[in-house]
Amino acid sequence: MLFEKENYKDKKSIIIYFSRADENYAVGYIDKGNTEVIAEYIKELTDAEMFKVERKIPYSKEYRACVREVEDEQENDERPELAHTLDNIDNYEVVYIGAPVYCGLLPQPMVTQLEKLNWSGKVVRPFTTHEGSGLGNIPRQLEDICNGAKVVDGLAVRGTSVKNAKGKVEAWI
């Protein structure tokens, strides 16, 4: 029996993502974060709406200082204040959730945003950018945060290859 992949492409969708430019591991200084590049591919392929999660006080532009900030936030289970928030996702069937993998997990600003939403009946499709950790523990973390949603197959893209990953994203969609 052949397994037919579910078609999410034509469902009402939104992309909720966190992305950081500035100095990134293995790619140096960039003007647009790697996750944002992947989010834009998804938008182009699905016509989904986009919402970028941003800290009210951005992380440091310098990579090592940013890592220290991330580790402190995660260690203290902080919920950083956001520049703006998405209040509901009632009009969407599919939610693409994208982020870089920070110490195996979602960045804390994403946790802040995602905890504010009602996930009942939603399909969640995670995507990450990374330099070796794949999806990390993010799918399991999303199952905990997005109570009532169905978390399905994820996509992991190396940050060093995002510029050439459109075909990979298209195959996943």
N, C-alpha and C. Protein backbone atom coordinates (compact mmCIF):
# COMPACT_ATOMS: atom_id res chain seq x y z
N MET A 1 0.84 -1.17 0.00
CA MET A 1 0.00 0.00 0.00
C MET A 1 0.89 1.24 0.00
N LEU A 2 0.57 2.18 -0.86
CA LEU A 2 1.33 3.42 -0.94
C LEU A 2 0.83 4.42 0.09
N PHE A 3 1.79 5.08 0.73
CA PHE A 3 1.43 6.13 1.67
C PHE A 3 1.33 7.43 0.88
N GLU A 4 0.20 8.09 0.96
CA GLU A 4 0.03 9.36 0.28
C GLU A 4 0.28 10.49 1.26
N LYS A 5 1.23 11.34 0.92
CA LYS A 5 1.56 12.49 1.78
C LYS A 5 0.38 13.46 1.80
N GLU A 6 0.03 13.92 2.99
CA GLU A 6 -1.07 14.86 3.11
C GLU A 6 -0.68 16.18 2.44
N ASN A 7 -1.64 16.78 1.75
CA ASN A 7 -1.40 18.05 1.08
C ASN A 7 -1.78 19.20 1.99
N TYR A 8 -0.79 19.90 2.49
CA TYR A 8 -1.02 21.05 3.34
C TYR A 8 -0.93 22.35 2.55
N LYS A 9 -0.44 22.24 1.33
CA LYS A 9 -0.13 23.41 0.51
C LYS A 9 -1.33 24.34 0.31
N ASP A 10 -2.52 23.77 0.13
CA ASP A 10 -3.69 24.59 -0.19
C ASP A 10 -4.55 24.94 1.02
N LYS A 11 -4.08 24.62 2.20
CA LYS A 11 -4.83 24.95 3.42
C LYS A 11 -4.46 26.36 3.89
N LYS A 12 -5.39 27.02 4.55
CA LYS A 12 -5.14 28.37 5.09
C LYS A 12 -4.02 28.26 6.13
N SER A 13 -2.92 28.96 5.87
CA SER A 13 -1.71 28.77 6.68
C SER A 13 -1.09 30.09 7.11
N ILE A 14 -0.32 29.97 8.19
CA ILE A 14 0.51 31.08 8.66
C ILE A 14 1.87 30.52 9.04
N ILE A 15 2.87 31.34 8.83
CA ILE A 15 4.24 31.00 9.22
C ILE A 15 4.60 31.90 10.41
N ILE A 16 4.85 31.29 11.55
CA ILE A 16 5.30 32.01 12.73
C ILE A 16 6.77 31.65 12.91
N TYR A 17 7.63 32.64 12.86
CA TYR A 17 9.05 32.31 12.89
C TYR A 17 9.85 33.34 13.69
N PHE A 18 10.98 32.89 14.16
CA PHE A 18 11.99 33.74 14.79
C PHE A 18 13.25 33.58 13.96
N SER A 19 13.91 34.68 13.67
CA SER A 19 15.14 34.62 12.89
C SER A 19 16.05 35.74 13.34
N ARG A 20 17.33 35.46 13.34
CA ARG A 20 18.30 36.44 13.80
C ARG A 20 19.37 36.65 12.74
N ALA A 21 19.57 37.90 12.37
CA ALA A 21 20.64 38.26 11.44
C ALA A 21 21.92 38.48 12.25
N ASP A 22 22.73 39.41 11.85
CA ASP A 22 23.98 39.74 12.53
C ASP A 22 24.99 38.59 12.45
N GLU A 23 25.83 38.41 13.46
CA GLU A 23 26.85 37.36 13.40
C GLU A 23 26.21 36.01 13.74
N ASN A 24 26.32 35.06 12.81
CA ASN A 24 25.78 33.72 12.99
C ASN A 24 26.90 32.70 12.92
N TYR A 25 26.70 31.58 13.60
CA TYR A 25 27.67 30.50 13.61
C TYR A 25 27.87 29.98 12.19
N ALA A 26 29.09 29.81 11.78
CA ALA A 26 29.51 29.20 10.52
C ALA A 26 29.20 30.02 9.27
N VAL A 27 28.45 31.11 9.39
CA VAL A 27 28.17 31.91 8.19
C VAL A 27 28.63 33.36 8.32
N GLY A 28 29.09 33.75 9.49
CA GLY A 28 29.55 35.12 9.69
C GLY A 28 28.40 36.10 9.79
N TYR A 29 28.64 37.35 9.41
CA TYR A 29 27.61 38.39 9.50
C TYR A 29 26.66 38.28 8.32
N ILE A 30 25.37 38.30 8.62
CA ILE A 30 24.35 38.23 7.58
C ILE A 30 23.30 39.32 7.82
N ASP A 31 22.71 39.78 6.72
CA ASP A 31 21.70 40.83 6.80
C ASP A 31 20.31 40.28 7.08
N LYS A 32 20.08 39.03 6.71
CA LYS A 32 18.78 38.39 6.92
C LYS A 32 19.05 37.04 7.56
N GLY A 33 18.32 36.73 8.62
CA GLY A 33 18.52 35.46 9.31
C GLY A 33 18.18 34.26 8.42
N ASN A 34 18.85 33.15 8.69
CA ASN A 34 18.66 31.94 7.91
C ASN A 34 17.22 31.43 7.96
N THR A 35 16.61 31.48 9.12
CA THR A 35 15.24 30.99 9.26
C THR A 35 14.28 31.85 8.45
N GLU A 36 14.55 33.14 8.38
CA GLU A 36 13.70 34.03 7.59
C GLU A 36 13.76 33.67 6.10
N VAL A 37 14.93 33.27 5.62
CA VAL A 37 15.07 32.85 4.23
C VAL A 37 14.16 31.64 3.97
N ILE A 38 14.18 30.67 4.87
CA ILE A 38 13.34 29.47 4.71
C ILE A 38 11.87 29.85 4.81
N ALA A 39 11.52 30.74 5.74
CA ALA A 39 10.13 31.19 5.89
C ALA A 39 9.64 31.83 4.58
N GLU A 40 10.49 32.59 3.94
CA GLU A 40 10.11 33.23 2.68
C GLU A 40 9.90 32.20 1.57
N TYR A 41 10.71 31.13 1.55
CA TYR A 41 10.48 30.05 0.59
C TYR A 41 9.10 29.42 0.83
N ILE A 42 8.78 29.16 2.09
CA ILE A 42 7.49 28.55 2.42
C ILE A 42 6.35 29.47 1.98
N LYS A 43 6.48 30.75 2.23
CA LYS A 43 5.45 31.71 1.81
C LYS A 43 5.26 31.66 0.30
N GLU A 44 6.36 31.67 -0.42
CA GLU A 44 6.30 31.64 -1.88
C GLU A 44 5.60 30.38 -2.39
N LEU A 45 5.82 29.26 -1.71
CA LEU A 45 5.26 27.98 -2.16
C LEU A 45 3.83 27.73 -1.68
N THR A 46 3.41 28.39 -0.61
CA THR A 46 2.09 28.11 -0.02
C THR A 46 1.17 29.32 0.03
N ASP A 47 1.70 30.49 -0.19
CA ASP A 47 0.96 31.75 -0.04
C ASP A 47 0.49 31.96 1.40
N ALA A 48 1.19 31.36 2.35
CA ALA A 48 0.86 31.53 3.77
C ALA A 48 1.18 32.95 4.21
N GLU A 49 0.47 33.42 5.22
CA GLU A 49 0.81 34.70 5.83
C GLU A 49 2.03 34.48 6.72
N MET A 50 2.70 35.58 7.08
CA MET A 50 3.91 35.47 7.90
C MET A 50 3.80 36.35 9.13
N PHE A 51 4.36 35.84 10.24
CA PHE A 51 4.49 36.63 11.45
C PHE A 51 5.87 36.38 12.04
N LYS A 52 6.64 37.47 12.16
CA LYS A 52 7.99 37.35 12.70
C LYS A 52 7.97 37.69 14.19
N VAL A 53 8.44 36.77 15.00
CA VAL A 53 8.57 36.97 16.45
C VAL A 53 9.88 37.71 16.69
N GLU A 54 9.80 38.81 17.45
CA GLU A 54 10.99 39.60 17.74
C GLU A 54 11.01 40.01 19.20
N ARG A 55 12.18 39.87 19.81
CA ARG A 55 12.36 40.36 21.18
C ARG A 55 12.25 41.88 21.19
N LYS A 56 11.68 42.41 22.25
CA LYS A 56 11.62 43.87 22.39
C LYS A 56 13.04 44.43 22.46
N ILE A 57 13.90 43.76 23.21
CA ILE A 57 15.33 44.11 23.25
C ILE A 57 16.06 43.00 22.48
N PRO A 58 16.55 43.31 21.29
CA PRO A 58 17.18 42.27 20.47
C PRO A 58 18.38 41.62 21.15
N TYR A 59 18.66 40.38 20.74
CA TYR A 59 19.88 39.73 21.19
C TYR A 59 21.08 40.51 20.69
N SER A 60 22.21 40.28 21.31
CA SER A 60 23.45 40.91 20.90
C SER A 60 23.75 40.58 19.44
N LYS A 61 24.38 41.52 18.74
CA LYS A 61 24.77 41.29 17.35
C LYS A 61 25.95 40.32 17.26
N GLU A 62 26.74 40.25 18.33
CA GLU A 62 27.93 39.39 18.38
C GLU A 62 27.51 37.98 18.79
N TYR A 63 27.98 36.99 18.05
CA TYR A 63 27.53 35.61 18.23
C TYR A 63 27.74 35.08 19.65
N ARG A 64 28.94 35.17 20.18
CA ARG A 64 29.21 34.60 21.51
C ARG A 64 28.39 35.28 22.61
N ALA A 65 28.21 36.59 22.52
CA ALA A 65 27.39 37.30 23.50
C ALA A 65 25.93 36.84 23.39
N CYS A 66 25.47 36.63 22.17
CA CYS A 66 24.10 36.14 21.96
C CYS A 66 23.93 34.76 22.58
N VAL A 67 24.90 33.89 22.40
CA VAL A 67 24.83 32.54 22.97
C VAL A 67 24.70 32.62 24.49
N ARG A 68 25.46 33.50 25.12
CA ARG A 68 25.36 33.66 26.59
C ARG A 68 23.96 34.13 26.99
N GLU A 69 23.40 35.07 26.24
CA GLU A 69 22.04 35.55 26.52
C GLU A 69 21.02 34.42 26.38
N VAL A 70 21.16 33.64 25.33
CA VAL A 70 20.25 32.51 25.08
C VAL A 70 20.35 31.49 26.21
N GLU A 71 21.57 31.14 26.59
CA GLU A 71 21.76 30.16 27.66
C GLU A 71 21.16 30.65 28.98
N ASP A 72 21.34 31.92 29.29
CA ASP A 72 20.75 32.48 30.51
C ASP A 72 19.23 32.41 30.46
N GLU A 73 18.64 32.79 29.34
CA GLU A 73 17.17 32.74 29.20
C GLU A 73 16.65 31.32 29.38
N GLN A 74 17.32 30.37 28.74
CA GLN A 74 16.86 28.99 28.83
C GLN A 74 17.05 28.43 30.23
N GLU A 75 18.19 28.71 30.83
CA GLU A 75 18.47 28.22 32.17
C GLU A 75 17.45 28.74 33.19
N ASN A 76 17.02 29.98 33.00
CA ASN A 76 16.07 30.61 33.92
C ASN A 76 14.62 30.49 33.45
N ASP A 77 14.40 29.76 32.33
CA ASP A 77 13.07 29.58 31.75
C ASP A 77 12.34 30.92 31.62
N GLU A 78 13.06 31.92 31.10
CA GLU A 78 12.52 33.27 30.94
C GLU A 78 11.55 33.37 29.77
N ARG A 79 10.68 34.36 29.86
CA ARG A 79 9.77 34.70 28.78
C ARG A 79 10.06 36.16 28.42
N PRO A 80 11.00 36.39 27.50
CA PRO A 80 11.36 37.76 27.17
C PRO A 80 10.18 38.53 26.56
N GLU A 81 10.18 39.82 26.82
CA GLU A 81 9.13 40.68 26.26
C GLU A 81 9.32 40.77 24.75
N LEU A 82 8.21 40.76 24.03
CA LEU A 82 8.25 40.80 22.58
C LEU A 82 7.96 42.20 22.05
N ALA A 83 8.48 42.49 20.86
CA ALA A 83 8.23 43.78 20.22
C ALA A 83 6.75 43.92 19.86
N HIS A 84 6.12 42.83 19.47
CA HIS A 84 4.70 42.77 19.15
C HIS A 84 4.28 41.31 19.24
N THR A 85 2.98 41.07 19.42
CA THR A 85 2.52 39.69 19.55
C THR A 85 1.38 39.39 18.58
N LEU A 86 1.25 38.14 18.29
CA LEU A 86 0.15 37.62 17.49
C LEU A 86 -0.89 37.14 18.50
N ASP A 87 -2.11 37.66 18.39
CA ASP A 87 -3.13 37.37 19.39
C ASP A 87 -3.89 36.08 19.18
N ASN A 88 -4.09 35.69 17.92
CA ASN A 88 -4.79 34.42 17.69
C ASN A 88 -4.47 33.86 16.31
N ILE A 89 -4.73 32.59 16.18
CA ILE A 89 -4.51 31.88 14.92
C ILE A 89 -5.79 31.16 14.49
N ASP A 90 -6.92 31.70 14.93
CA ASP A 90 -8.21 31.06 14.69
C ASP A 90 -8.51 30.82 13.22
N ASN A 91 -8.04 31.67 12.32
CA ASN A 91 -8.38 31.57 10.90
C ASN A 91 -7.46 30.64 10.10
N TYR A 92 -6.57 29.93 10.78
CA TYR A 92 -5.59 29.11 10.08
C TYR A 92 -5.76 27.63 10.43
N GLU A 93 -5.53 26.78 9.43
CA GLU A 93 -5.56 25.33 9.65
C GLU A 93 -4.17 24.79 9.94
N VAL A 94 -3.19 25.35 9.23
CA VAL A 94 -1.80 24.89 9.32
C VAL A 94 -0.92 26.03 9.80
N VAL A 95 -0.05 25.72 10.77
CA VAL A 95 0.88 26.72 11.29
C VAL A 95 2.29 26.17 11.12
N TYR A 96 3.06 26.85 10.28
CA TYR A 96 4.47 26.54 10.12
C TYR A 96 5.20 27.32 11.21
N ILE A 97 5.98 26.60 12.01
CA ILE A 97 6.73 27.24 13.10
C ILE A 97 8.21 27.06 12.83
N GLY A 98 8.90 28.19 12.68
CA GLY A 98 10.30 28.14 12.32
C GLY A 98 11.21 28.89 13.27
N ALA A 99 12.38 28.33 13.49
CA ALA A 99 13.35 28.95 14.39
C ALA A 99 14.72 28.31 14.21
N PRO A 100 15.76 29.05 14.57
CA PRO A 100 17.05 28.39 14.69
C PRO A 100 17.01 27.51 15.95
N VAL A 101 17.80 26.48 15.95
CA VAL A 101 17.88 25.60 17.12
C VAL A 101 18.87 26.23 18.09
N TYR A 102 18.39 26.59 19.26
CA TYR A 102 19.23 27.20 20.29
C TYR A 102 19.39 26.19 21.42
N CYS A 103 20.59 25.61 21.52
CA CYS A 103 20.89 24.64 22.57
C CYS A 103 19.87 23.50 22.54
N GLY A 104 19.47 23.08 21.35
CA GLY A 104 18.54 21.97 21.18
C GLY A 104 17.07 22.35 21.28
N LEU A 105 16.78 23.62 21.56
CA LEU A 105 15.41 24.05 21.82
C LEU A 105 15.02 25.28 21.00
N LEU A 106 13.75 25.66 21.12
CA LEU A 106 13.27 26.91 20.54
C LEU A 106 13.89 28.09 21.27
N PRO A 107 14.11 29.18 20.57
CA PRO A 107 14.50 30.41 21.27
C PRO A 107 13.36 30.82 22.21
N GLN A 108 13.69 31.35 23.37
CA GLN A 108 12.68 31.70 24.36
C GLN A 108 11.65 32.72 23.85
N PRO A 109 12.00 33.65 22.95
CA PRO A 109 10.95 34.53 22.43
C PRO A 109 9.84 33.75 21.71
N MET A 110 10.20 32.65 21.05
CA MET A 110 9.17 31.82 20.40
C MET A 110 8.27 31.18 21.44
N VAL A 111 8.85 30.72 22.54
CA VAL A 111 8.05 30.12 23.61
C VAL A 111 7.07 31.16 24.15
N THR A 112 7.57 32.39 24.36
CA THR A 112 6.71 33.47 24.84
C THR A 112 5.50 33.63 23.92
N GLN A 113 5.73 33.68 22.61
CA GLN A 113 4.65 33.88 21.65
C GLN A 113 3.73 32.66 21.57
N LEU A 114 4.28 31.49 21.43
CA LEU A 114 3.47 30.29 21.20
C LEU A 114 2.56 29.96 22.38
N GLU A 115 3.01 30.24 23.58
CA GLU A 115 2.19 29.96 24.77
C GLU A 115 0.93 30.82 24.83
N LYS A 116 0.89 31.90 24.08
CA LYS A 116 -0.25 32.82 24.11
C LYS A 116 -1.40 32.36 23.20
N LEU A 117 -1.19 31.33 22.40
CA LEU A 117 -2.15 30.96 21.36
C LEU A 117 -2.96 29.72 21.70
N ASN A 118 -4.16 29.64 21.10
CA ASN A 118 -5.02 28.46 21.22
C ASN A 118 -4.72 27.53 20.05
N TRP A 119 -4.25 26.35 20.35
CA TRP A 119 -3.78 25.41 19.34
C TRP A 119 -4.80 24.34 18.96
N SER A 120 -5.96 24.35 19.53
CA SER A 120 -6.96 23.30 19.28
C SER A 120 -7.25 23.13 17.79
N GLY A 121 -7.06 21.91 17.32
CA GLY A 121 -7.39 21.57 15.94
C GLY A 121 -6.40 22.02 14.89
N LYS A 122 -5.29 22.59 15.28
CA LYS A 122 -4.29 23.06 14.30
C LYS A 122 -3.31 21.96 13.94
N VAL A 123 -2.75 22.07 12.74
CA VAL A 123 -1.65 21.22 12.31
C VAL A 123 -0.40 22.08 12.39
N VAL A 124 0.63 21.61 13.08
CA VAL A 124 1.88 22.33 13.24
C VAL A 124 2.97 21.63 12.44
N ARG A 125 3.64 22.40 11.60
CA ARG A 125 4.76 21.89 10.79
C ARG A 125 6.02 22.67 11.18
N PRO A 126 6.88 22.07 12.00
CA PRO A 126 8.10 22.78 12.43
C PRO A 126 9.18 22.78 11.36
N PHE A 127 9.94 23.87 11.33
CA PHE A 127 11.15 23.91 10.49
C PHE A 127 12.23 24.64 11.26
N THR A 128 13.45 24.18 11.09
CA THR A 128 14.58 24.76 11.81
C THR A 128 15.75 25.05 10.88
N THR A 129 16.59 25.95 11.33
CA THR A 129 17.91 26.12 10.74
C THR A 129 18.91 25.79 11.84
N HIS A 130 20.01 25.22 11.45
CA HIS A 130 20.95 24.67 12.44
C HIS A 130 22.32 24.48 11.79
N GLU A 131 23.27 24.07 12.57
CA GLU A 131 24.59 23.68 12.05
C GLU A 131 25.00 22.32 12.59
N GLY A 132 24.05 21.43 12.71
CA GLY A 132 24.37 20.07 13.12
C GLY A 132 23.37 19.44 14.05
N SER A 133 22.43 20.21 14.58
CA SER A 133 21.48 19.64 15.55
C SER A 133 20.13 19.26 14.94
N GLY A 134 19.98 19.43 13.65
CA GLY A 134 18.73 19.03 12.99
C GLY A 134 17.54 19.76 13.59
N LEU A 135 16.51 19.01 13.96
CA LEU A 135 15.33 19.59 14.59
C LEU A 135 15.51 19.72 16.10
N GLY A 136 16.60 19.15 16.62
CA GLY A 136 16.82 19.19 18.07
C GLY A 136 15.63 18.57 18.80
N ASN A 137 15.28 19.13 19.93
CA ASN A 137 14.12 18.67 20.70
C ASN A 137 12.88 19.50 20.41
N ILE A 138 12.91 20.27 19.34
CA ILE A 138 11.82 21.20 19.04
C ILE A 138 10.49 20.50 18.77
N PRO A 139 10.42 19.41 18.00
CA PRO A 139 9.09 18.78 17.81
C PRO A 139 8.45 18.36 19.14
N ARG A 140 9.22 17.78 20.03
CA ARG A 140 8.69 17.37 21.34
C ARG A 140 8.29 18.60 22.17
N GLN A 141 9.10 19.64 22.10
CA GLN A 141 8.79 20.88 22.80
C GLN A 141 7.48 21.47 22.27
N LEU A 142 7.29 21.44 20.96
CA LEU A 142 6.06 21.96 20.36
C LEU A 142 4.83 21.13 20.77
N GLU A 143 5.01 19.83 20.90
CA GLU A 143 3.89 18.99 21.37
C GLU A 143 3.44 19.44 22.76
N ASP A 144 4.38 19.85 23.60
CA ASP A 144 4.04 20.33 24.94
C ASP A 144 3.39 21.71 24.91
N ILE A 145 3.95 22.61 24.11
CA ILE A 145 3.47 24.00 24.08
C ILE A 145 2.15 24.12 23.32
N CYS A 146 2.06 23.44 22.20
CA CYS A 146 0.92 23.59 21.30
C CYS A 146 -0.15 22.55 21.63
N ASN A 147 -0.64 22.59 22.84
CA ASN A 147 -1.63 21.64 23.33
C ASN A 147 -2.88 21.66 22.46
N GLY A 148 -3.27 20.51 21.93
CA GLY A 148 -4.44 20.41 21.08
C GLY A 148 -4.12 20.39 19.60
N ALA A 149 -2.85 20.64 19.26
CA ALA A 149 -2.42 20.63 17.86
C ALA A 149 -1.83 19.27 17.51
N LYS A 150 -1.79 19.00 16.22
CA LYS A 150 -1.12 17.81 15.70
C LYS A 150 0.21 18.28 15.12
N VAL A 151 1.32 17.89 15.75
CA VAL A 151 2.65 18.25 15.27
C VAL A 151 3.09 17.17 14.29
N VAL A 152 3.34 17.57 13.05
CA VAL A 152 3.69 16.61 11.99
C VAL A 152 5.14 16.81 11.55
N ASP A 153 5.50 16.13 10.47
CA ASP A 153 6.87 16.09 9.96
C ASP A 153 7.53 17.46 9.90
N GLY A 154 8.77 17.51 10.35
CA GLY A 154 9.51 18.75 10.36
C GLY A 154 10.58 18.79 9.28
N LEU A 155 11.14 19.96 9.10
CA LEU A 155 12.20 20.18 8.13
C LEU A 155 13.36 20.86 8.83
N ALA A 156 14.56 20.33 8.66
CA ALA A 156 15.76 20.92 9.22
C ALA A 156 16.71 21.27 8.08
N VAL A 157 17.18 22.52 8.07
CA VAL A 157 18.06 23.00 7.01
C VAL A 157 19.31 23.61 7.65
N ARG A 158 20.46 23.19 7.19
CA ARG A 158 21.71 23.78 7.69
C ARG A 158 21.77 25.24 7.28
N GLY A 159 22.17 26.08 8.24
CA GLY A 159 22.26 27.50 7.98
C GLY A 159 23.18 27.83 6.82
N THR A 160 24.24 27.04 6.67
CA THR A 160 25.20 27.29 5.59
C THR A 160 24.63 26.94 4.22
N SER A 161 23.47 26.28 4.17
CA SER A 161 22.92 25.88 2.87
C SER A 161 21.54 26.47 2.57
N VAL A 162 21.09 27.45 3.36
CA VAL A 162 19.74 27.99 3.14
C VAL A 162 19.56 28.60 1.76
N LYS A 163 20.59 29.23 1.24
CA LYS A 163 20.47 29.88 -0.07
C LYS A 163 20.18 28.88 -1.20
N ASN A 164 20.53 27.61 -0.98
CA ASN A 164 20.31 26.57 -1.99
C ASN A 164 19.26 25.55 -1.55
N ALA A 165 18.41 25.91 -0.61
CA ALA A 165 17.49 24.93 -0.01
C ALA A 165 16.05 25.02 -0.53
N LYS A 166 15.79 25.85 -1.51
CA LYS A 166 14.40 26.00 -1.97
C LYS A 166 13.81 24.67 -2.44
N GLY A 167 14.59 23.88 -3.15
CA GLY A 167 14.11 22.58 -3.61
C GLY A 167 13.79 21.64 -2.45
N LYS A 168 14.60 21.69 -1.42
CA LYS A 168 14.35 20.87 -0.22
C LYS A 168 13.06 21.31 0.45
N VAL A 169 12.84 22.61 0.53
CA VAL A 169 11.62 23.13 1.13
C VAL A 169 10.41 22.71 0.28
N GLU A 170 10.54 22.83 -1.02
CA GLU A 170 9.44 22.45 -1.92
C GLU A 170 9.08 20.97 -1.79
N ALA A 171 10.09 20.12 -1.68
CA ALA A 171 9.83 18.68 -1.51
C ALA A 171 9.12 18.41 -0.19
N TRP A 172 9.45 19.17 0.85
CA TRP A 172 8.81 19.01 2.17
C TRP A 172 7.37 19.50 2.16
N ILE A 173 7.11 20.60 1.47
CA ILE A 173 5.76 21.16 1.40
C ILE A 173 4.86 20.15 0.71
